PDB file of N, CA and C in Angstrom:
ATOM      1  N   LEU A   1     -38.838   6.737  10.945  1.00  0.00           N
ATOM      2  CA  LEU A   1     -38.222   7.713  10.070  1.00  0.00           C
ATOM      3  C   LEU A   1     -37.553   7.024   8.878  1.00  0.00           C
ATOM      4  N   LEU A   2     -36.719   6.017   9.161  1.00  0.00           N
ATOM      5  CA  LEU A   2     -35.991   5.352   8.078  1.00  0.00           C
ATOM      6  C   LEU A   2     -36.930   4.580   7.159  1.00  0.00           C
ATOM      7  N   ARG A   3     -37.933   3.942   7.728  1.00  0.00           N
ATOM      8  CA  ARG A   3     -38.906   3.237   6.878  1.00  0.00           C
ATOM      9  C   ARG A   3     -39.617   4.222   5.958  1.00  0.00           C
ATOM     10  N   GLY A   4     -39.962   5.382   6.487  1.00  0.00           N
ATOM     11  CA  GLY A   4     -40.610   6.407   5.673  1.00  0.00           C
ATOM     12  C   GLY A   4     -39.708   6.889   4.551  1.00  0.00           C
ATOM     13  N   CYS A   5     -38.437   7.063   4.840  1.00  0.00           N
ATOM     14  CA  CYS A   5     -37.478   7.472   3.800  1.00  0.00           C
ATOM     15  C   CYS A   5     -37.399   6.414   2.709  1.00  0.00           C
ATOM     16  N   ARG A   6     -37.325   5.155   3.112  1.00  0.00           N
ATOM     17  CA  ARG A   6     -37.249   4.072   2.125  1.00  0.00           C
ATOM     18  C   ARG A   6     -38.534   4.017   1.303  1.00  0.00           C
ATOM     19  N   ARG A   7     -39.665   4.176   1.960  1.00  0.00           N
ATOM     20  CA  ARG A   7     -40.962   4.149   1.272  1.00  0.00           C
ATOM     21  C   ARG A   7     -41.058   5.272   0.236  1.00  0.00           C
ATOM     22  N   ARG A   8     -40.439   6.406   0.526  1.00  0.00           N
ATOM     23  CA  ARG A   8     -40.476   7.541  -0.407  1.00  0.00           C
ATOM     24  C   ARG A   8     -39.375   7.466  -1.462  1.00  0.00           C
ATOM     25  N   GLY A   9     -38.650   6.347  -1.511  1.00  0.00           N
ATOM     26  CA  GLY A   9     -37.695   6.141  -2.584  1.00  0.00           C
ATOM     27  C   GLY A   9     -36.229   6.269  -2.234  1.00  0.00           C
ATOM     28  N   MET A  10     -35.931   6.517  -0.985  1.00  0.00           N
ATOM     29  CA  MET A  10     -34.520   6.637  -0.610  1.00  0.00           C
ATOM     30  C   MET A  10     -33.838   5.279  -0.757  1.00  0.00           C
ATOM     31  N   THR A  11     -32.681   5.285  -1.393  1.00  0.00           N
ATOM     32  CA  THR A  11     -31.899   4.054  -1.489  1.00  0.00           C
ATOM     33  C   THR A  11     -30.964   3.968  -0.287  1.00  0.00           C
ATOM     34  N   ALA A  12     -30.432   2.795  -0.060  1.00  0.00           N
ATOM     35  CA  ALA A  12     -29.572   2.580   1.103  1.00  0.00           C
ATOM     36  C   ALA A  12     -28.335   3.467   1.034  1.00  0.00           C
ATOM     37  N   PRO A  13     -28.057   4.217   2.090  1.00  0.00           N
ATOM     38  CA  PRO A  13     -26.824   4.999   2.117  1.00  0.00           C
ATOM     39  C   PRO A  13     -25.614   4.065   2.167  1.00  0.00           C
ATOM     40  N   VAL A  14     -24.508   4.519   1.648  1.00  0.00           N
ATOM     41  CA  VAL A  14     -23.278   3.729   1.694  1.00  0.00           C
ATOM     42  C   VAL A  14     -22.777   3.640   3.131  1.00  0.00           C
ATOM     43  N   LEU A  15     -22.878   4.755   3.870  1.00  0.00           N
ATOM     44  CA  LEU A  15     -22.337   4.832   5.218  1.00  0.00           C
ATOM     45  C   LEU A  15     -23.288   5.611   6.114  1.00  0.00           C
ATOM     46  N   ALA A  16     -23.490   5.101   7.320  1.00  0.00           N
ATOM     47  CA  ALA A  16     -24.256   5.821   8.338  1.00  0.00           C
ATOM     48  C   ALA A  16     -23.303   6.152   9.480  1.00  0.00           C
ATOM     49  N   VAL A  17     -23.305   7.397   9.911  1.00  0.00           N
ATOM     50  CA  VAL A  17     -22.455   7.837  11.012  1.00  0.00           C
ATOM     51  C   VAL A  17     -23.368   8.212  12.165  1.00  0.00           C
ATOM     52  N   GLY A  18     -23.106   7.641  13.334  1.00  0.00           N
ATOM     53  CA  GLY A  18     -23.969   7.904  14.477  1.00  0.00           C
ATOM     54  C   GLY A  18     -23.191   7.993  15.771  1.00  0.00           C
ATOM     55  N   ASP A  19     -23.907   8.379  16.819  1.00  0.00           N
ATOM     56  CA  ASP A  19     -23.285   8.621  18.117  1.00  0.00           C
ATOM     57  C   ASP A  19     -23.248   7.396  19.018  1.00  0.00           C
ATOM     58  N   GLY A  20     -23.692   6.269  18.540  1.00  0.00           N
ATOM     59  CA  GLY A  20     -23.654   5.060  19.356  1.00  0.00           C
ATOM     60  C   GLY A  20     -24.990   4.692  19.963  1.00  0.00           C
ATOM     61  N   ALA A  21     -26.031   5.457  19.682  1.00  0.00           N
ATOM     62  CA  ALA A  21     -27.361   5.122  20.188  1.00  0.00           C
ATOM     63  C   ALA A  21     -27.789   3.784  19.585  1.00  0.00           C
ATOM     64  N   LEU A  22     -28.054   2.806  20.432  1.00  0.00           N
ATOM     65  CA  LEU A  22     -28.330   1.453  19.958  1.00  0.00           C
ATOM     66  C   LEU A  22     -29.559   1.387  19.064  1.00  0.00           C
ATOM     67  N   GLY A  23     -30.566   2.184  19.332  1.00  0.00           N
ATOM     68  CA  GLY A  23     -31.772   2.174  18.512  1.00  0.00           C
ATOM     69  C   GLY A  23     -31.504   2.592  17.083  1.00  0.00           C
ATOM     70  N   PHE A  24     -30.607   3.539  16.897  1.00  0.00           N
ATOM     71  CA  PHE A  24     -30.261   3.995  15.550  1.00  0.00           C
ATOM     72  C   PHE A  24     -29.629   2.866  14.753  1.00  0.00           C
ATOM     73  N   TRP A  25     -28.661   2.178  15.351  1.00  0.00           N
ATOM     74  CA  TRP A  25     -27.971   1.105  14.634  1.00  0.00           C
ATOM     75  C   TRP A  25     -28.922  -0.046  14.334  1.00  0.00           C
ATOM     76  N   LYS A  26     -29.791  -0.359  15.264  1.00  0.00           N
ATOM     77  CA  LYS A  26     -30.764  -1.436  15.032  1.00  0.00           C
ATOM     78  C   LYS A  26     -31.674  -1.075  13.861  1.00  0.00           C
ATOM     79  N   ALA A  27     -32.123   0.171  13.819  1.00  0.00           N
ATOM     80  CA  ALA A  27     -33.001   0.618  12.730  1.00  0.00           C
ATOM     81  C   ALA A  27     -32.275   0.594  11.388  1.00  0.00           C
ATOM     82  N   ILE A  28     -31.038   1.049  11.354  1.00  0.00           N
ATOM     83  CA  ILE A  28     -30.260   1.022  10.105  1.00  0.00           C
ATOM     84  C   ILE A  28     -30.123  -0.407   9.612  1.00  0.00           C
ATOM     85  N   ARG A  29     -29.776  -1.326  10.520  1.00  0.00           N
ATOM     86  CA  ARG A  29     -29.597  -2.733  10.125  1.00  0.00           C
ATOM     87  C   ARG A  29     -30.892  -3.337   9.596  1.00  0.00           C
ATOM     88  N   GLU A  30     -31.998  -2.933  10.186  1.00  0.00           N
ATOM     89  CA  GLU A  30     -33.291  -3.476   9.771  1.00  0.00           C
ATOM     90  C   GLU A  30     -33.736  -2.917   8.419  1.00  0.00           C
ATOM     91  N   VAL A  31     -33.627  -1.618   8.235  1.00  0.00           N
ATOM     92  CA  VAL A  31     -34.168  -0.965   7.040  1.00  0.00           C
ATOM     93  C   VAL A  31     -33.162  -0.956   5.888  1.00  0.00           C
ATOM     94  N   PHE A  32     -31.904  -0.732   6.192  1.00  0.00           N
ATOM     95  CA  PHE A  32     -30.859  -0.671   5.167  1.00  0.00           C
ATOM     96  C   PHE A  32     -29.699  -1.594   5.568  1.00  0.00           C
ATOM     97  N   PRO A  33     -29.881  -2.905   5.476  1.00  0.00           N
ATOM     98  CA  PRO A  33     -28.865  -3.839   5.985  1.00  0.00           C
ATOM     99  C   PRO A  33     -27.509  -3.756   5.281  1.00  0.00           C
ATOM    100  N   ALA A  34     -27.454  -3.240   4.072  1.00  0.00           N
ATOM    101  CA  ALA A  34     -26.178  -3.160   3.349  1.00  0.00           C
ATOM    102  C   ALA A  34     -25.362  -1.930   3.743  1.00  0.00           C
ATOM    103  N   THR A  35     -25.949  -1.016   4.490  1.00  0.00           N
ATOM    104  CA  THR A  35     -25.267   0.222   4.875  1.00  0.00           C
ATOM    105  C   THR A  35     -24.184  -0.059   5.911  1.00  0.00           C
ATOM    106  N   ARG A  36     -23.005   0.487   5.677  1.00  0.00           N
ATOM    107  CA  ARG A  36     -21.900   0.353   6.629  1.00  0.00           C
ATOM    108  C   ARG A  36     -22.094   1.346   7.769  1.00  0.00           C
ATOM    109  N   GLU A  37     -21.537   1.013   8.922  1.00  0.00           N
ATOM    110  CA  GLU A  37     -21.706   1.832  10.125  1.00  0.00           C
ATOM    111  C   GLU A  37     -20.369   2.403  10.584  1.00  0.00           C
ATOM    112  N   GLN A  38     -20.418   3.631  11.084  1.00  0.00           N
ATOM    113  CA  GLN A  38     -19.216   4.243  11.651  1.00  0.00           C
ATOM    114  C   GLN A  38     -19.623   5.110  12.822  1.00  0.00           C
ATOM    115  N   ARG A  39     -18.887   5.011  13.916  1.00  0.00           N
ATOM    116  CA  ARG A  39     -19.130   5.873  15.066  1.00  0.00           C
ATOM    117  C   ARG A  39     -18.636   7.279  14.759  1.00  0.00           C
ATOM    118  N   CYS A  40     -19.342   8.258  15.250  1.00  0.00           N
ATOM    119  CA  CYS A  40     -18.952   9.654  15.118  1.00  0.00           C
ATOM    120  C   CYS A  40     -17.688   9.887  15.956  1.00  0.00           C
ATOM    121  N   TRP A  41     -16.655  10.475  15.329  1.00  0.00           N
ATOM    122  CA  TRP A  41     -15.395  10.700  16.034  1.00  0.00           C
ATOM    123  C   TRP A  41     -15.556  11.650  17.210  1.00  0.00           C
ATOM    124  N   PHE A  42     -16.402  12.643  17.078  1.00  0.00           N
ATOM    125  CA  PHE A  42     -16.614  13.591  18.176  1.00  0.00           C
ATOM    126  C   PHE A  42     -17.154  12.858  19.403  1.00  0.00           C
ATOM    127  N   HIS A  43     -18.181  12.022  19.188  1.00  0.00           N
ATOM    128  CA  HIS A  43     -18.777  11.294  20.307  1.00  0.00           C
ATOM    129  C   HIS A  43     -17.835  10.220  20.848  1.00  0.00           C
ATOM    130  N   LYS A  44     -17.089   9.567  19.970  1.00  0.00           N
ATOM    131  CA  LYS A  44     -16.123   8.563  20.421  1.00  0.00           C
ATOM    132  C   LYS A  44     -15.079   9.217  21.321  1.00  0.00           C
ATOM    133  N   GLN A  45     -14.559  10.374  20.907  1.00  0.00           N
ATOM    134  CA  GLN A  45     -13.564  11.069  21.721  1.00  0.00           C
ATOM    135  C   GLN A  45     -14.163  11.486  23.059  1.00  0.00           C
ATOM    136  N   ALA A  46     -15.371  12.007  23.040  1.00  0.00           N
ATOM    137  CA  ALA A  46     -16.016  12.419  24.287  1.00  0.00           C
ATOM    138  C   ALA A  46     -16.198  11.232  25.229  1.00  0.00           C
ATOM    139  N   ASN A  47     -16.580  10.079  24.677  1.00  0.00           N
ATOM    140  CA  ASN A  47     -16.764   8.887  25.506  1.00  0.00           C
ATOM    141  C   ASN A  47     -15.444   8.426  26.119  1.00  0.00           C
ATOM    142  N   VAL A  48     -14.385   8.432  25.326  1.00  0.00           N
ATOM    143  CA  VAL A  48     -13.070   8.023  25.834  1.00  0.00           C
ATOM    144  C   VAL A  48     -12.616   8.979  26.934  1.00  0.00           C
ATOM    145  N   LEU A  49     -12.698  10.271  26.671  1.00  0.00           N
ATOM    146  CA  LEU A  49     -12.228  11.254  27.650  1.00  0.00           C
ATOM    147  C   LEU A  49     -13.039  11.212  28.939  1.00  0.00           C
ATOM    148  N   SER A  50     -14.318  10.865  28.843  1.00  0.00           N
ATOM    149  CA  SER A  50     -15.154  10.821  30.049  1.00  0.00           C
ATOM    150  C   SER A  50     -14.725   9.706  31.002  1.00  0.00           C
ATOM    151  N   CYS A  51     -13.952   8.746  30.513  1.00  0.00           N
ATOM    152  CA  CYS A  51     -13.472   7.637  31.348  1.00  0.00           C
ATOM    153  C   CYS A  51     -12.094   7.909  31.947  1.00  0.00           C
ATOM    154  N   LEU A  52     -11.519   9.045  31.610  1.00  0.00           N
ATOM    155  CA  LEU A  52     -10.160   9.361  32.055  1.00  0.00           C
ATOM    156  C   LEU A  52     -10.160  10.561  32.993  1.00  0.00           C
ATOM    157  N   PRO A  53      -9.143  10.645  33.867  1.00  0.00           N
ATOM    158  CA  PRO A  53      -9.019  11.854  34.686  1.00  0.00           C
ATOM    159  C   PRO A  53      -8.658  13.045  33.797  1.00  0.00           C
ATOM    160  N   LYS A  54      -9.041  14.227  34.225  1.00  0.00           N
ATOM    161  CA  LYS A  54      -8.783  15.447  33.439  1.00  0.00           C
ATOM    162  C   LYS A  54      -7.303  15.591  33.085  1.00  0.00           C
ATOM    163  N   SER A  55      -6.437  15.171  33.981  1.00  0.00           N
ATOM    164  CA  SER A  55      -4.999  15.314  33.724  1.00  0.00           C
ATOM    165  C   SER A  55      -4.540  14.492  32.521  1.00  0.00           C
ATOM    166  N   ALA A  56      -5.281  13.461  32.160  1.00  0.00           N
ATOM    167  CA  ALA A  56      -4.911  12.607  31.025  1.00  0.00           C
ATOM    168  C   ALA A  56      -5.522  13.078  29.707  1.00  0.00           C
ATOM    169  N   HIS A  57      -6.422  14.052  29.754  1.00  0.00           N
ATOM    170  CA  HIS A  57      -7.119  14.501  28.543  1.00  0.00           C
ATOM    171  C   HIS A  57      -6.190  15.022  27.446  1.00  0.00           C
ATOM    172  N   PRO A  58      -5.205  15.873  27.748  1.00  0.00           N
ATOM    173  CA  PRO A  58      -4.361  16.373  26.648  1.00  0.00           C
ATOM    174  C   PRO A  58      -3.638  15.254  25.891  1.00  0.00           C
ATOM    175  N   ALA A  59      -3.043  14.306  26.604  1.00  0.00           N
ATOM    176  CA  ALA A  59      -2.324  13.210  25.942  1.00  0.00           C
ATOM    177  C   ALA A  59      -3.289  12.306  25.186  1.00  0.00           C
ATOM    178  N   ALA A  60      -4.434  12.017  25.789  1.00  0.00           N
ATOM    179  CA  ALA A  60      -5.416  11.160  25.121  1.00  0.00           C
ATOM    180  C   ALA A  60      -5.966  11.847  23.880  1.00  0.00           C
ATOM    181  N   SER A  61      -6.238  13.134  23.967  1.00  0.00           N
ATOM    182  CA  SER A  61      -6.735  13.877  22.803  1.00  0.00           C
ATOM    183  C   SER A  61      -5.708  13.869  21.676  1.00  0.00           C
ATOM    184  N   ALA A  62      -4.439  14.020  22.025  1.00  0.00           N
ATOM    185  CA  ALA A  62      -3.381  13.983  21.011  1.00  0.00           C
ATOM    186  C   ALA A  62      -3.304  12.606  20.359  1.00  0.00           C
ATOM    187  N   ALA A  63      -3.428  11.546  21.157  1.00  0.00           N
ATOM    188  CA  ALA A  63      -3.383  10.187  20.609  1.00  0.00           C
ATOM    189  C   ALA A  63      -4.574   9.930  19.696  1.00  0.00           C
ATOM    190  N   ILE A  64      -5.745  10.380  20.101  1.00  0.00           N
ATOM    191  CA  ILE A  64      -6.943  10.207  19.275  1.00  0.00           C
ATOM    192  C   ILE A  64      -6.786  10.963  17.960  1.00  0.00           C
ATOM    193  N   LYS A  65      -6.214  12.161  18.033  1.00  0.00           N
ATOM    194  CA  LYS A  65      -5.998  12.953  16.819  1.00  0.00           C
ATOM    195  C   LYS A  65      -5.042  12.238  15.866  1.00  0.00           C
ATOM    196  N   GLU A  66      -4.002  11.611  16.412  1.00  0.00           N
ATOM    197  CA  GLU A  66      -3.068  10.847  15.568  1.00  0.00           C
ATOM    198  C   GLU A  66      -3.778   9.684  14.884  1.00  0.00           C
ATOM    199  N   ILE A  67      -4.632   8.996  15.620  1.00  0.00           N
ATOM    200  CA  ILE A  67      -5.384   7.873  15.038  1.00  0.00           C
ATOM    201  C   ILE A  67      -6.291   8.386  13.928  1.00  0.00           C
ATOM    202  N   TYR A  68      -7.011   9.451  14.196  1.00  0.00           N
ATOM    203  CA  TYR A  68      -7.943  10.016  13.220  1.00  0.00           C
ATOM    204  C   TYR A  68      -7.220  10.436  11.939  1.00  0.00           C
ATOM    205  N   ASN A  69      -6.034  10.997  12.090  1.00  0.00           N
ATOM    206  CA  ASN A  69      -5.290  11.511  10.939  1.00  0.00           C
ATOM    207  C   ASN A  69      -4.331  10.497  10.309  1.00  0.00           C
ATOM    208  N   ALA A  70      -4.328   9.271  10.790  1.00  0.00           N
ATOM    209  CA  ALA A  70      -3.431   8.249  10.239  1.00  0.00           C
ATOM    210  C   ALA A  70      -3.737   8.019   8.764  1.00  0.00           C
ATOM    211  N   GLU A  71      -2.689   7.753   7.991  1.00  0.00           N
ATOM    212  CA  GLU A  71      -2.877   7.586   6.545  1.00  0.00           C
ATOM    213  C   GLU A  71      -3.567   6.277   6.197  1.00  0.00           C
ATOM    214  N   ASP A  72      -3.467   5.274   7.076  1.00  0.00           N
ATOM    215  CA  ASP A  72      -4.158   4.009   6.834  1.00  0.00           C
ATOM    216  C   ASP A  72      -4.326   3.271   8.162  1.00  0.00           C
ATOM    217  N   ILE A  73      -5.006   2.145   8.114  1.00  0.00           N
ATOM    218  CA  ILE A  73      -5.322   1.415   9.347  1.00  0.00           C
ATOM    219  C   ILE A  73      -4.065   0.910  10.047  1.00  0.00           C
ATOM    220  N   ASP A  74      -3.039   0.540   9.282  1.00  0.00           N
ATOM    221  CA  ASP A  74      -1.798   0.065   9.900  1.00  0.00           C
ATOM    222  C   ASP A  74      -1.147   1.146  10.758  1.00  0.00           C
ATOM    223  N   HIS A  75      -1.154   2.381  10.284  1.00  0.00           N
ATOM    224  CA  HIS A  75      -0.581   3.481  11.061  1.00  0.00           C
ATOM    225  C   HIS A  75      -1.480   3.862  12.240  1.00  0.00           C
ATOM    226  N   ALA A  76      -2.755   3.620  12.132  1.00  0.00           N
ATOM    227  CA  ALA A  76      -3.684   3.942  13.214  1.00  0.00           C
ATOM    228  C   ALA A  76      -3.580   2.938  14.359  1.00  0.00           C
ATOM    229  N   GLN A  77      -3.129   1.730  14.064  1.00  0.00           N
ATOM    230  CA  GLN A  77      -3.087   0.675  15.078  1.00  0.00           C
ATOM    231  C   GLN A  77      -1.723   0.522  15.722  1.00  0.00           C
ATOM    232  N   VAL A  78      -0.976   1.581  15.817  1.00  0.00           N
ATOM    233  CA  VAL A  78       0.363   1.513  16.420  1.00  0.00           C
ATOM    234  C   VAL A  78       0.236   1.338  17.917  1.00  0.00           C
TER     235      VAL A  78
END
């Protein structure tokens, strides 16, 4: 898919957002090596919550929301 897009004239995207599928990241690196990568926040939150007991979900969700809404990286890394 990505090779076809490049062949048809697509330039490298500035940012690729994905769910963590390893094949996607490998393909992006191969076809558009200058493109930056970012995990999808929805999938990241789902992955984190799946490792926690249900009773911890509200607090973990609140913490993730604070990180997501932080004004800069310093505030996100508290």
